[in-house]
Amino acid sequence: MRCMGVRDNMVHLIIAYTLNDQCIVVLITQTSP
């Protein structure tokens, strides 16, 4: 199975990907108006 990348509005960007057999979730916050 694979994970999907989901972004909330345009302020928070959530990237999820599979590493080996683990699902890694990365949360990136953008400070752009």
PDB file of N, CA and C in Angstrom:
ATOM      1  N   MET A   1       0.837  -1.193   0.000  1.00  0.00           N
ATOM      2  CA  MET A   1       0.000   0.000   0.000  1.00  0.00           C
ATOM      3  C   MET A   1       0.879   1.253   0.000  1.00  0.00           C
ATOM      4  N   ARG A   2       0.341   2.317  -0.507  1.00  0.00           N
ATOM      5  CA  ARG A   2       1.114   3.562  -0.552  1.00  0.00           C
ATOM      6  C   ARG A   2       0.327   4.688   0.101  1.00  0.00           C
ATOM      7  N   CYS A   3       1.034   5.695   0.536  1.00  0.00           N
ATOM      8  CA  CYS A   3       0.363   6.823   1.205  1.00  0.00           C
ATOM      9  C   CYS A   3       0.131   7.949   0.211  1.00  0.00           C
ATOM     10  N   MET A   4      -0.775   8.826   0.530  1.00  0.00           N
ATOM     11  CA  MET A   4      -1.041   9.948  -0.358  1.00  0.00           C
ATOM     12  C   MET A   4      -0.598  11.263   0.256  1.00  0.00           C
ATOM     13  N   GLY A   5      -0.373  12.265  -0.565  1.00  0.00           N
ATOM     14  CA  GLY A   5      -0.008  13.600  -0.067  1.00  0.00           C
ATOM     15  C   GLY A   5      -1.257  14.465  -0.037  1.00  0.00           C
ATOM     16  N   VAL A   6      -1.505  15.053   1.110  1.00  0.00           N
ATOM     17  CA  VAL A   6      -2.695  15.908   1.240  1.00  0.00           C
ATOM     18  C   VAL A   6      -2.284  17.296   1.702  1.00  0.00           C
ATOM     19  N   ARG A   7      -2.852  18.309   1.068  1.00  0.00           N
ATOM     20  CA  ARG A   7      -2.506  19.664   1.488  1.00  0.00           C
ATOM     21  C   ARG A   7      -3.736  20.384   2.020  1.00  0.00           C
ATOM     22  N   ASP A   8      -3.564  21.105   3.112  1.00  0.00           N
ATOM     23  CA  ASP A   8      -4.681  21.800   3.737  1.00  0.00           C
ATOM     24  C   ASP A   8      -4.611  23.272   3.376  1.00  0.00           C
ATOM     25  N   ASN A   9      -5.644  23.788   2.675  1.00  0.00           N
ATOM     26  CA  ASN A   9      -5.641  25.179   2.208  1.00  0.00           C
ATOM     27  C   ASN A   9      -4.353  25.419   1.426  1.00  0.00           C
ATOM     28  N   MET A  10      -3.656  26.498   1.710  1.00  0.00           N
ATOM     29  CA  MET A  10      -2.361  26.729   1.068  1.00  0.00           C
ATOM     30  C   MET A  10      -1.356  27.134   2.133  1.00  0.00           C
ATOM     31  N   VAL A  11      -1.697  26.882   3.371  1.00  0.00           N
ATOM     32  CA  VAL A  11      -0.809  27.267   4.472  1.00  0.00           C
ATOM     33  C   VAL A  11      -0.047  26.051   4.962  1.00  0.00           C
ATOM     34  N   HIS A  12      -0.766  24.941   5.116  1.00  0.00           N
ATOM     35  CA  HIS A  12      -0.112  23.730   5.611  1.00  0.00           C
ATOM     36  C   HIS A  12      -0.036  22.700   4.492  1.00  0.00           C
ATOM     37  N   LEU A  13       1.139  22.145   4.343  1.00  0.00           N
ATOM     38  CA  LEU A  13       1.318  21.118   3.315  1.00  0.00           C
ATOM     39  C   LEU A  13       1.733  19.816   3.973  1.00  0.00           C
ATOM     40  N   ILE A  14       0.905  18.804   3.783  1.00  0.00           N
ATOM     41  CA  ILE A  14       1.203  17.514   4.405  1.00  0.00           C
ATOM     42  C   ILE A  14       1.625  16.513   3.332  1.00  0.00           C
ATOM     43  N   ILE A  15       2.814  15.993   3.494  1.00  0.00           N
ATOM     44  CA  ILE A  15       3.307  15.019   2.522  1.00  0.00           C
ATOM     45  C   ILE A  15       3.499  13.660   3.181  1.00  0.00           C
ATOM     46  N   ALA A  16       2.828  12.670   2.643  1.00  0.00           N
ATOM     47  CA  ALA A  16       2.967  11.332   3.220  1.00  0.00           C
ATOM     48  C   ALA A  16       3.552  10.395   2.173  1.00  0.00           C
ATOM     49  N   TYR A  17       4.548   9.648   2.560  1.00  0.00           N
ATOM     50  CA  TYR A  17       5.148   8.691   1.629  1.00  0.00           C
ATOM     51  C   TYR A  17       5.586   7.441   2.373  1.00  0.00           C
ATOM     52  N   THR A  18       5.760   6.384   1.628  1.00  0.00           N
ATOM     53  CA  THR A  18       6.116   5.120   2.269  1.00  0.00           C
ATOM     54  C   THR A  18       7.620   4.918   2.259  1.00  0.00           C
ATOM     55  N   LEU A  19       8.161   4.579   3.409  1.00  0.00           N
ATOM     56  CA  LEU A  19       9.593   4.296   3.508  1.00  0.00           C
ATOM     57  C   LEU A  19       9.729   2.835   3.942  1.00  0.00           C
ATOM     58  N   ASN A  20      10.292   2.016   3.029  1.00  0.00           N
ATOM     59  CA  ASN A  20      10.386   0.576   3.299  1.00  0.00           C
ATOM     60  C   ASN A  20       8.971   0.058   3.523  1.00  0.00           C
ATOM     61  N   ASP A  21       8.629  -0.284   4.766  1.00  0.00           N
ATOM     62  CA  ASP A  21       7.262  -0.736   5.054  1.00  0.00           C
ATOM     63  C   ASP A  21       6.590   0.226   6.012  1.00  0.00           C
ATOM     64  N   GLN A  22       7.175   1.426   6.139  1.00  0.00           N
ATOM     65  CA  GLN A  22       6.604   2.392   7.074  1.00  0.00           C
ATOM     66  C   GLN A  22       6.027   3.581   6.327  1.00  0.00           C
ATOM     67  N   CYS A  23       5.008   4.166   6.908  1.00  0.00           N
ATOM     68  CA  CYS A  23       4.390   5.343   6.306  1.00  0.00           C
ATOM     69  C   CYS A  23       4.889   6.579   7.046  1.00  0.00           C
ATOM     70  N   ILE A  24       5.585   7.444   6.329  1.00  0.00           N
ATOM     71  CA  ILE A  24       6.138   8.641   6.959  1.00  0.00           C
ATOM     72  C   ILE A  24       5.289   9.854   6.580  1.00  0.00           C
ATOM     73  N   VAL A  25       4.957  10.663   7.580  1.00  0.00           N
ATOM     74  CA  VAL A  25       4.162  11.867   7.320  1.00  0.00           C
ATOM     75  C   VAL A  25       4.979  13.107   7.650  1.00  0.00           C
ATOM     76  N   VAL A  26       5.074  14.000   6.688  1.00  0.00           N
ATOM     77  CA  VAL A  26       5.845  15.225   6.895  1.00  0.00           C
ATOM     78  C   VAL A  26       4.914  16.428   6.817  1.00  0.00           C
ATOM     79  N   LEU A  27       4.979  17.265   7.832  1.00  0.00           N
ATOM     80  CA  LEU A  27       4.124  18.456   7.855  1.00  0.00           C
ATOM     81  C   LEU A  27       4.973  19.692   7.592  1.00  0.00           C
ATOM     82  N   ILE A  28       4.621  20.418   6.537  1.00  0.00           N
ATOM     83  CA  ILE A  28       5.375  21.624   6.193  1.00  0.00           C
ATOM     84  C   ILE A  28       4.456  22.843   6.281  1.00  0.00           C
ATOM     85  N   THR A  29       4.893  23.838   7.028  1.00  0.00           N
ATOM     86  CA  THR A  29       4.083  25.050   7.165  1.00  0.00           C
ATOM     87  C   THR A  29       4.695  26.161   6.326  1.00  0.00           C
ATOM     88  N   GLN A  30       3.881  26.771   5.483  1.00  0.00           N
ATOM     89  CA  GLN A  30       4.382  27.847   4.642  1.00  0.00           C
ATOM     90  C   GLN A  30       3.839  29.185   5.135  1.00  0.00           C
ATOM     91  N   THR A  31       4.729  30.163   5.273  1.00  0.00           N
ATOM     92  CA  THR A  31       4.287  31.483   5.743  1.00  0.00           C
ATOM     93  C   THR A  31       4.192  32.416   4.542  1.00  0.00           C
ATOM     94  N   SER A  32       3.255  32.121   3.658  1.00  0.00           N
ATOM     95  CA  SER A  32       3.053  32.988   2.494  1.00  0.00           C
ATOM     96  C   SER A  32       1.624  33.509   2.494  1.00  0.00           C
ATOM     97  N   PRO A  33       1.463  34.778   2.259  1.00  0.00           N
ATOM     98  CA  PRO A  33       0.136  35.405   2.260  1.00  0.00           C
ATOM     99  C   PRO A  33      -0.722  34.915   1.104  1.00  0.00           C
TER     100      PRO A  33
END
